[in-house]
Amino acid sequence: TLPELKVEICSACHPFYTGKQKLIDSARRVEKFQARMDAKAKVSAYRKGKKVKRLAKTKARAKRTEKK
């Protein structure tokens, strides 16, 4: 083991201690992620969820069985 380690992290500048987030963007990763999240939000705005579809399907089945 080394008696002393020198690191570039201190409580004055590290985001964990300051509460400020620093984004280091290499290869546009942040923009790509943001674009994926925006696309997902657009799709989910008009798309029905599984529970809604399943509920509609069971209601339709119930109506068909009542008619018979």
N, C-alpha and C. Protein backbone atom coordinates (compact mmCIF):
# COMPACT_ATOMS: atom_id res chain seq x y z
N THR A 1 0.84 -1.19 0.00
CA THR A 1 0.00 0.00 0.00
C THR A 1 0.87 1.25 0.00
N LEU A 2 0.30 2.27 -0.52
CA LEU A 2 1.01 3.55 -0.55
C LEU A 2 0.68 4.35 0.70
N PRO A 3 1.63 5.07 1.21
CA PRO A 3 1.35 5.86 2.42
C PRO A 3 0.41 7.03 2.15
N GLU A 4 0.41 7.53 0.92
CA GLU A 4 -0.42 8.69 0.61
C GLU A 4 -0.90 8.60 -0.83
N LEU A 5 -2.17 8.85 -1.04
CA LEU A 5 -2.76 8.88 -2.38
C LEU A 5 -3.21 10.30 -2.69
N LYS A 6 -2.90 10.76 -3.87
CA LYS A 6 -3.35 12.09 -4.28
C LYS A 6 -4.46 11.91 -5.30
N VAL A 7 -5.61 12.47 -5.00
CA VAL A 7 -6.76 12.40 -5.90
C VAL A 7 -7.25 13.82 -6.19
N GLU A 8 -8.01 13.94 -7.27
CA GLU A 8 -8.51 15.25 -7.67
C GLU A 8 -9.92 15.51 -7.15
N ILE A 9 -10.34 14.79 -6.17
CA ILE A 9 -11.68 14.93 -5.63
C ILE A 9 -11.60 15.59 -4.26
N CYS A 10 -12.36 16.64 -4.09
CA CYS A 10 -12.43 17.28 -2.78
C CYS A 10 -13.89 17.67 -2.51
N SER A 11 -14.18 17.96 -1.29
CA SER A 11 -15.55 18.29 -0.93
C SER A 11 -15.97 19.66 -1.47
N ALA A 12 -15.03 20.47 -1.89
CA ALA A 12 -15.37 21.79 -2.41
C ALA A 12 -15.82 21.75 -3.87
N CYS A 13 -15.38 20.72 -4.62
CA CYS A 13 -15.70 20.73 -6.04
C CYS A 13 -16.41 19.46 -6.53
N HIS A 14 -16.47 18.42 -5.75
CA HIS A 14 -17.09 17.18 -6.21
C HIS A 14 -18.61 17.34 -6.23
N PRO A 15 -19.28 16.88 -7.32
CA PRO A 15 -20.74 17.05 -7.43
C PRO A 15 -21.53 16.39 -6.31
N PHE A 16 -21.02 15.32 -5.74
CA PHE A 16 -21.73 14.66 -4.63
C PHE A 16 -21.85 15.60 -3.44
N TYR A 17 -20.82 16.36 -3.17
CA TYR A 17 -20.83 17.27 -2.02
C TYR A 17 -21.48 18.61 -2.33
N THR A 18 -21.31 19.10 -3.55
CA THR A 18 -21.84 20.42 -3.89
C THR A 18 -23.30 20.37 -4.31
N GLY A 19 -23.75 19.22 -4.80
CA GLY A 19 -25.13 19.10 -5.26
C GLY A 19 -25.31 19.59 -6.69
N LYS A 20 -24.24 19.98 -7.34
CA LYS A 20 -24.31 20.44 -8.73
C LYS A 20 -23.87 19.30 -9.63
N GLN A 21 -24.63 19.09 -10.69
CA GLN A 21 -24.33 18.00 -11.61
C GLN A 21 -23.52 18.52 -12.79
N LYS A 22 -22.44 17.84 -13.08
CA LYS A 22 -21.64 18.17 -14.25
C LYS A 22 -21.77 17.03 -15.24
N LEU A 23 -22.12 17.36 -16.45
CA LEU A 23 -22.23 16.35 -17.49
C LEU A 23 -21.06 16.48 -18.44
N ILE A 24 -20.26 15.45 -18.50
CA ILE A 24 -19.16 15.41 -19.46
C ILE A 24 -19.65 14.57 -20.62
N ASP A 25 -19.80 15.20 -21.74
CA ASP A 25 -20.38 14.54 -22.90
C ASP A 25 -19.29 14.08 -23.85
N SER A 26 -19.14 12.80 -23.94
CA SER A 26 -18.20 12.26 -24.92
C SER A 26 -19.01 11.48 -25.94
N ALA A 27 -18.80 11.79 -27.19
CA ALA A 27 -19.49 11.13 -28.31
C ALA A 27 -20.99 11.37 -28.28
N ARG A 28 -21.42 12.55 -27.88
CA ARG A 28 -22.83 12.96 -27.88
C ARG A 28 -23.74 12.01 -27.13
N ARG A 29 -23.29 11.40 -26.10
CA ARG A 29 -24.09 10.42 -25.38
C ARG A 29 -25.30 11.07 -24.71
N VAL A 30 -25.11 12.24 -24.16
CA VAL A 30 -26.22 12.92 -23.48
C VAL A 30 -27.31 13.30 -24.48
N GLU A 31 -26.91 13.83 -25.64
CA GLU A 31 -27.90 14.20 -26.65
C GLU A 31 -28.63 12.98 -27.18
N LYS A 32 -27.90 11.89 -27.39
CA LYS A 32 -28.54 10.66 -27.87
C LYS A 32 -29.55 10.14 -26.85
N PHE A 33 -29.16 10.16 -25.60
CA PHE A 33 -30.06 9.71 -24.54
C PHE A 33 -31.30 10.61 -24.48
N GLN A 34 -31.10 11.91 -24.55
CA GLN A 34 -32.22 12.85 -24.50
C GLN A 34 -33.14 12.64 -25.69
N ALA A 35 -32.58 12.37 -26.87
CA ALA A 35 -33.40 12.13 -28.06
C ALA A 35 -34.24 10.87 -27.89
N ARG A 36 -33.65 9.83 -27.31
CA ARG A 36 -34.41 8.59 -27.08
C ARG A 36 -35.54 8.83 -26.09
N MET A 37 -35.30 9.58 -25.04
CA MET A 37 -36.33 9.85 -24.05
C MET A 37 -37.45 10.71 -24.65
N ASP A 38 -37.10 11.67 -25.50
CA ASP A 38 -38.12 12.50 -26.16
C ASP A 38 -38.98 11.66 -27.09
N ALA A 39 -38.35 10.76 -27.85
CA ALA A 39 -39.10 9.89 -28.76
C ALA A 39 -40.02 8.97 -27.97
N LYS A 40 -39.55 8.47 -26.86
CA LYS A 40 -40.37 7.59 -26.03
C LYS A 40 -41.57 8.35 -25.47
N ALA A 41 -41.37 9.59 -25.07
CA ALA A 41 -42.46 10.40 -24.54
C ALA A 41 -43.51 10.68 -25.62
N LYS A 42 -43.06 10.93 -26.84
CA LYS A 42 -44.01 11.19 -27.94
C LYS A 42 -44.86 9.96 -28.22
N VAL A 43 -44.23 8.80 -28.26
CA VAL A 43 -44.94 7.56 -28.56
C VAL A 43 -45.92 7.23 -27.44
N SER A 44 -45.50 7.41 -26.21
CA SER A 44 -46.37 7.05 -25.09
C SER A 44 -47.56 7.99 -24.96
N ALA A 45 -47.50 9.15 -25.59
CA ALA A 45 -48.61 10.10 -25.52
C ALA A 45 -49.85 9.57 -26.23
N TYR A 46 -49.67 8.85 -27.33
CA TYR A 46 -50.82 8.36 -28.07
C TYR A 46 -51.00 6.86 -27.98
N ARG A 47 -50.09 6.19 -27.34
CA ARG A 47 -50.14 4.74 -27.26
C ARG A 47 -50.84 4.29 -25.99
N LYS A 48 -51.66 3.27 -26.09
CA LYS A 48 -52.35 2.74 -24.92
C LYS A 48 -51.43 1.77 -24.20
N GLY A 49 -51.64 1.63 -22.93
CA GLY A 49 -50.84 0.70 -22.15
C GLY A 49 -51.41 -0.70 -22.21
N LYS A 50 -50.65 -1.65 -21.71
CA LYS A 50 -51.08 -3.04 -21.71
C LYS A 50 -52.34 -3.24 -20.88
N LYS A 51 -52.40 -2.59 -19.73
CA LYS A 51 -53.55 -2.77 -18.85
C LYS A 51 -54.83 -2.28 -19.51
N VAL A 52 -54.75 -1.16 -20.21
CA VAL A 52 -55.92 -0.60 -20.88
C VAL A 52 -56.38 -1.53 -21.98
N LYS A 53 -55.43 -2.04 -22.76
CA LYS A 53 -55.78 -2.96 -23.85
C LYS A 53 -56.39 -4.24 -23.30
N ARG A 54 -55.80 -4.78 -22.24
CA ARG A 54 -56.29 -6.02 -21.66
C ARG A 54 -57.70 -5.83 -21.09
N LEU A 55 -57.95 -4.69 -20.45
CA LEU A 55 -59.26 -4.41 -19.89
C LEU A 55 -60.31 -4.31 -21.00
N ALA A 56 -59.96 -3.65 -22.10
CA ALA A 56 -60.89 -3.53 -23.22
C ALA A 56 -61.19 -4.89 -23.82
N LYS A 57 -60.19 -5.74 -23.89
CA LYS A 57 -60.37 -7.07 -24.45
C LYS A 57 -61.30 -7.91 -23.58
N THR A 58 -61.13 -7.84 -22.27
CA THR A 58 -61.99 -8.61 -21.37
C THR A 58 -63.42 -8.09 -21.40
N LYS A 59 -63.59 -6.78 -21.54
CA LYS A 59 -64.94 -6.22 -21.64
C LYS A 59 -65.63 -6.69 -22.92
N ALA A 60 -64.87 -6.74 -24.01
CA ALA A 60 -65.43 -7.21 -25.28
C ALA A 60 -65.82 -8.67 -25.18
N ARG A 61 -65.01 -9.47 -24.53
CA ARG A 61 -65.34 -10.89 -24.34
C ARG A 61 -66.59 -11.05 -23.49
N ALA A 62 -66.71 -10.23 -22.46
CA ALA A 62 -67.87 -10.31 -21.58
C ALA A 62 -69.15 -9.97 -22.34
N LYS A 63 -69.08 -8.98 -23.21
CA LYS A 63 -70.25 -8.60 -24.00
C LYS A 63 -70.66 -9.73 -24.94
N ARG A 64 -69.67 -10.39 -25.55
CA ARG A 64 -69.97 -11.49 -26.48
C ARG A 64 -70.60 -12.66 -25.74
N THR A 65 -70.13 -12.96 -24.55
CA THR A 65 -70.70 -14.09 -23.80
C THR A 65 -72.09 -13.76 -23.29
N GLU A 66 -72.37 -12.48 -23.00
CA GLU A 66 -73.71 -12.09 -22.54
C GLU A 66 -74.74 -12.23 -23.66
N LYS A 67 -74.33 -11.97 -24.88
CA LYS A 67 -75.24 -12.05 -26.02
C LYS A 67 -75.67 -13.48 -26.31
N LYS A 68 -74.80 -14.44 -26.02
CA LYS A 68 -75.11 -15.85 -26.32
C LYS A 68 -76.06 -16.43 -25.35
